[in-house]
Amino acid sequence: MSRRTGEQIAALAAGDHSHLRDAAVARIEEPPPATLGMCGLLSPYDPVRLQGDERGGRSED
């Protein structure tokens, strides 16, 4: 668990949920399906899903 996650859990346990006001709902468009290219099969590349975004994504939080 990251330090940030621990702090948020401790805040919730103490009844403080103010950090939840920073939450947002986001939508990532579905990448196109794989298709044939000059060098074989081309797969969609979605850097946001692979690396996570600034709100968390696949980060350690």
N, C-alpha and C. Protein backbone atom coordinates (compact mmCIF):
# COMPACT_ATOMS: atom_id res chain seq x y z
N MET A 1 0.85 -1.17 0.00
CA MET A 1 0.00 0.00 0.00
C MET A 1 0.90 1.23 0.00
N SER A 2 0.52 2.23 -0.79
CA SER A 2 1.32 3.45 -0.85
C SER A 2 1.01 4.35 0.35
N ARG A 3 1.88 5.30 0.56
CA ARG A 3 1.69 6.27 1.65
C ARG A 3 0.37 7.02 1.46
N ARG A 4 0.11 7.44 0.21
CA ARG A 4 -1.11 8.19 -0.08
C ARG A 4 -2.36 7.38 0.23
N THR A 5 -2.36 6.11 -0.16
CA THR A 5 -3.51 5.25 0.11
C THR A 5 -3.70 5.08 1.61
N GLY A 6 -2.60 4.88 2.35
CA GLY A 6 -2.68 4.77 3.80
C GLY A 6 -3.26 6.01 4.44
N GLU A 7 -2.86 7.17 3.96
CA GLU A 7 -3.39 8.43 4.50
C GLU A 7 -4.89 8.54 4.23
N GLN A 8 -5.31 8.14 3.04
CA GLN A 8 -6.73 8.22 2.70
C GLN A 8 -7.56 7.25 3.53
N ILE A 9 -7.04 6.06 3.77
CA ILE A 9 -7.75 5.09 4.61
C ILE A 9 -7.84 5.60 6.04
N ALA A 10 -6.76 6.16 6.55
CA ALA A 10 -6.77 6.72 7.90
C ALA A 10 -7.77 7.85 8.01
N ALA A 11 -7.84 8.70 6.98
CA ALA A 11 -8.80 9.80 6.99
C ALA A 11 -10.23 9.27 7.01
N LEU A 12 -10.52 8.25 6.21
CA LEU A 12 -11.85 7.66 6.20
C LEU A 12 -12.19 7.06 7.56
N ALA A 13 -11.24 6.38 8.18
CA ALA A 13 -11.47 5.78 9.49
C ALA A 13 -11.77 6.85 10.54
N ALA A 14 -11.20 8.05 10.35
CA ALA A 14 -11.44 9.15 11.28
C ALA A 14 -12.69 9.95 10.92
N GLY A 15 -13.39 9.53 9.86
CA GLY A 15 -14.62 10.21 9.47
C GLY A 15 -14.41 11.34 8.48
N ASP A 16 -13.20 11.54 8.01
CA ASP A 16 -12.89 12.61 7.06
C ASP A 16 -12.92 12.04 5.65
N HIS A 17 -13.87 12.48 4.87
CA HIS A 17 -13.99 11.99 3.50
C HIS A 17 -13.81 13.13 2.49
N SER A 18 -13.18 14.23 2.92
CA SER A 18 -13.06 15.41 2.07
C SER A 18 -12.24 15.14 0.80
N HIS A 19 -11.31 14.17 0.84
CA HIS A 19 -10.50 13.89 -0.35
C HIS A 19 -11.35 13.32 -1.49
N LEU A 20 -12.53 12.81 -1.17
CA LEU A 20 -13.39 12.23 -2.21
C LEU A 20 -14.00 13.32 -3.10
N ARG A 21 -13.97 14.58 -2.65
CA ARG A 21 -14.48 15.67 -3.48
C ARG A 21 -13.64 15.88 -4.73
N ASP A 22 -12.41 15.41 -4.71
CA ASP A 22 -11.52 15.55 -5.87
C ASP A 22 -11.77 14.48 -6.93
N ALA A 23 -12.68 13.56 -6.66
CA ALA A 23 -12.95 12.46 -7.59
C ALA A 23 -13.59 12.97 -8.87
N ALA A 24 -13.41 12.23 -9.94
CA ALA A 24 -14.01 12.56 -11.22
C ALA A 24 -14.36 11.27 -11.96
N VAL A 25 -15.29 11.39 -12.87
CA VAL A 25 -15.65 10.28 -13.74
C VAL A 25 -15.06 10.60 -15.10
N ALA A 26 -14.34 9.65 -15.67
CA ALA A 26 -13.71 9.88 -16.97
C ALA A 26 -14.04 8.71 -17.89
N ARG A 27 -13.98 8.98 -19.17
CA ARG A 27 -14.26 7.93 -20.16
C ARG A 27 -13.11 7.89 -21.14
N ILE A 28 -12.60 6.71 -21.40
CA ILE A 28 -11.56 6.51 -22.39
C ILE A 28 -12.21 5.82 -23.58
N GLU A 29 -12.03 6.39 -24.74
CA GLU A 29 -12.60 5.78 -25.95
C GLU A 29 -11.99 4.39 -26.17
N GLU A 30 -12.79 3.47 -26.65
CA GLU A 30 -12.30 2.13 -26.95
C GLU A 30 -11.39 2.20 -28.17
N PRO A 31 -10.20 1.62 -28.09
CA PRO A 31 -9.32 1.64 -29.26
C PRO A 31 -9.90 0.78 -30.37
N PRO A 32 -9.55 1.09 -31.62
CA PRO A 32 -10.07 0.28 -32.72
C PRO A 32 -9.56 -1.16 -32.62
N PRO A 33 -10.29 -2.11 -33.20
CA PRO A 33 -9.84 -3.50 -33.14
C PRO A 33 -8.54 -3.69 -33.92
N ALA A 34 -7.85 -4.78 -33.64
CA ALA A 34 -6.63 -5.10 -34.37
C ALA A 34 -6.95 -5.22 -35.86
N THR A 35 -6.01 -4.84 -36.68
CA THR A 35 -6.21 -4.88 -38.13
C THR A 35 -4.90 -5.32 -38.81
N LEU A 36 -5.00 -5.73 -40.04
CA LEU A 36 -3.80 -6.13 -40.77
C LEU A 36 -3.04 -4.90 -41.25
N GLY A 37 -1.71 -4.96 -41.16
CA GLY A 37 -0.85 -3.88 -41.63
C GLY A 37 0.23 -4.43 -42.53
N MET A 38 1.15 -3.58 -42.95
CA MET A 38 2.22 -3.99 -43.86
C MET A 38 3.11 -5.06 -43.22
N CYS A 39 3.29 -5.03 -41.90
CA CYS A 39 4.22 -5.96 -41.22
C CYS A 39 3.49 -6.99 -40.37
N GLY A 40 2.23 -7.23 -40.62
CA GLY A 40 1.49 -8.22 -39.85
C GLY A 40 0.29 -7.60 -39.17
N LEU A 41 -0.07 -8.17 -38.04
CA LEU A 41 -1.25 -7.73 -37.30
C LEU A 41 -0.92 -6.52 -36.44
N LEU A 42 -1.70 -5.47 -36.57
CA LEU A 42 -1.52 -4.26 -35.77
C LEU A 42 -2.51 -4.29 -34.62
N SER A 43 -2.03 -4.17 -33.41
CA SER A 43 -2.90 -4.13 -32.23
C SER A 43 -3.06 -2.69 -31.77
N PRO A 44 -4.20 -2.36 -31.17
CA PRO A 44 -4.38 -1.01 -30.66
C PRO A 44 -3.39 -0.72 -29.54
N TYR A 45 -2.90 0.49 -29.49
CA TYR A 45 -1.98 0.93 -28.45
C TYR A 45 -2.65 2.05 -27.68
N ASP A 46 -2.88 1.85 -26.42
CA ASP A 46 -3.56 2.83 -25.59
C ASP A 46 -2.65 3.21 -24.43
N PRO A 47 -1.83 4.27 -24.57
CA PRO A 47 -0.86 4.62 -23.53
C PRO A 47 -1.51 5.00 -22.20
N VAL A 48 -2.73 5.52 -22.22
CA VAL A 48 -3.38 5.89 -20.96
C VAL A 48 -3.67 4.65 -20.14
N ARG A 49 -4.20 3.61 -20.76
CA ARG A 49 -4.49 2.38 -20.03
C ARG A 49 -3.22 1.65 -19.62
N LEU A 50 -2.17 1.74 -20.43
CA LEU A 50 -0.94 1.03 -20.12
C LEU A 50 -0.15 1.68 -18.99
N GLN A 51 -0.12 3.01 -18.95
CA GLN A 51 0.70 3.71 -17.98
C GLN A 51 -0.10 4.31 -16.83
N GLY A 52 -1.41 4.40 -16.95
CA GLY A 52 -2.21 5.06 -15.94
C GLY A 52 -2.22 6.55 -16.19
N ASP A 53 -3.20 7.23 -15.65
CA ASP A 53 -3.26 8.68 -15.83
C ASP A 53 -2.96 9.36 -14.52
N GLU A 54 -3.02 10.70 -14.51
CA GLU A 54 -2.63 11.44 -13.32
C GLU A 54 -3.61 11.25 -12.16
N ARG A 55 -4.79 10.70 -12.41
CA ARG A 55 -5.75 10.46 -11.33
C ARG A 55 -5.57 9.10 -10.69
N GLY A 56 -4.66 8.31 -11.19
CA GLY A 56 -4.47 6.99 -10.59
C GLY A 56 -4.19 5.93 -11.61
N GLY A 57 -5.17 5.66 -12.48
CA GLY A 57 -4.96 4.64 -13.49
C GLY A 57 -4.40 3.37 -12.91
N ARG A 58 -3.25 2.94 -13.38
CA ARG A 58 -2.60 1.73 -12.88
C ARG A 58 -1.46 2.05 -11.92
N SER A 59 -1.50 3.19 -11.29
CA SER A 59 -0.43 3.54 -10.38
C SER A 59 -0.50 2.71 -9.11
N GLU A 60 0.40 2.95 -8.19
CA GLU A 60 0.48 2.19 -6.93
C GLU A 60 -0.61 2.60 -5.94
N ASP A 61 -1.38 3.66 -6.24
CA ASP A 61 -2.42 4.10 -5.29
C ASP A 61 -3.60 3.24 -5.50
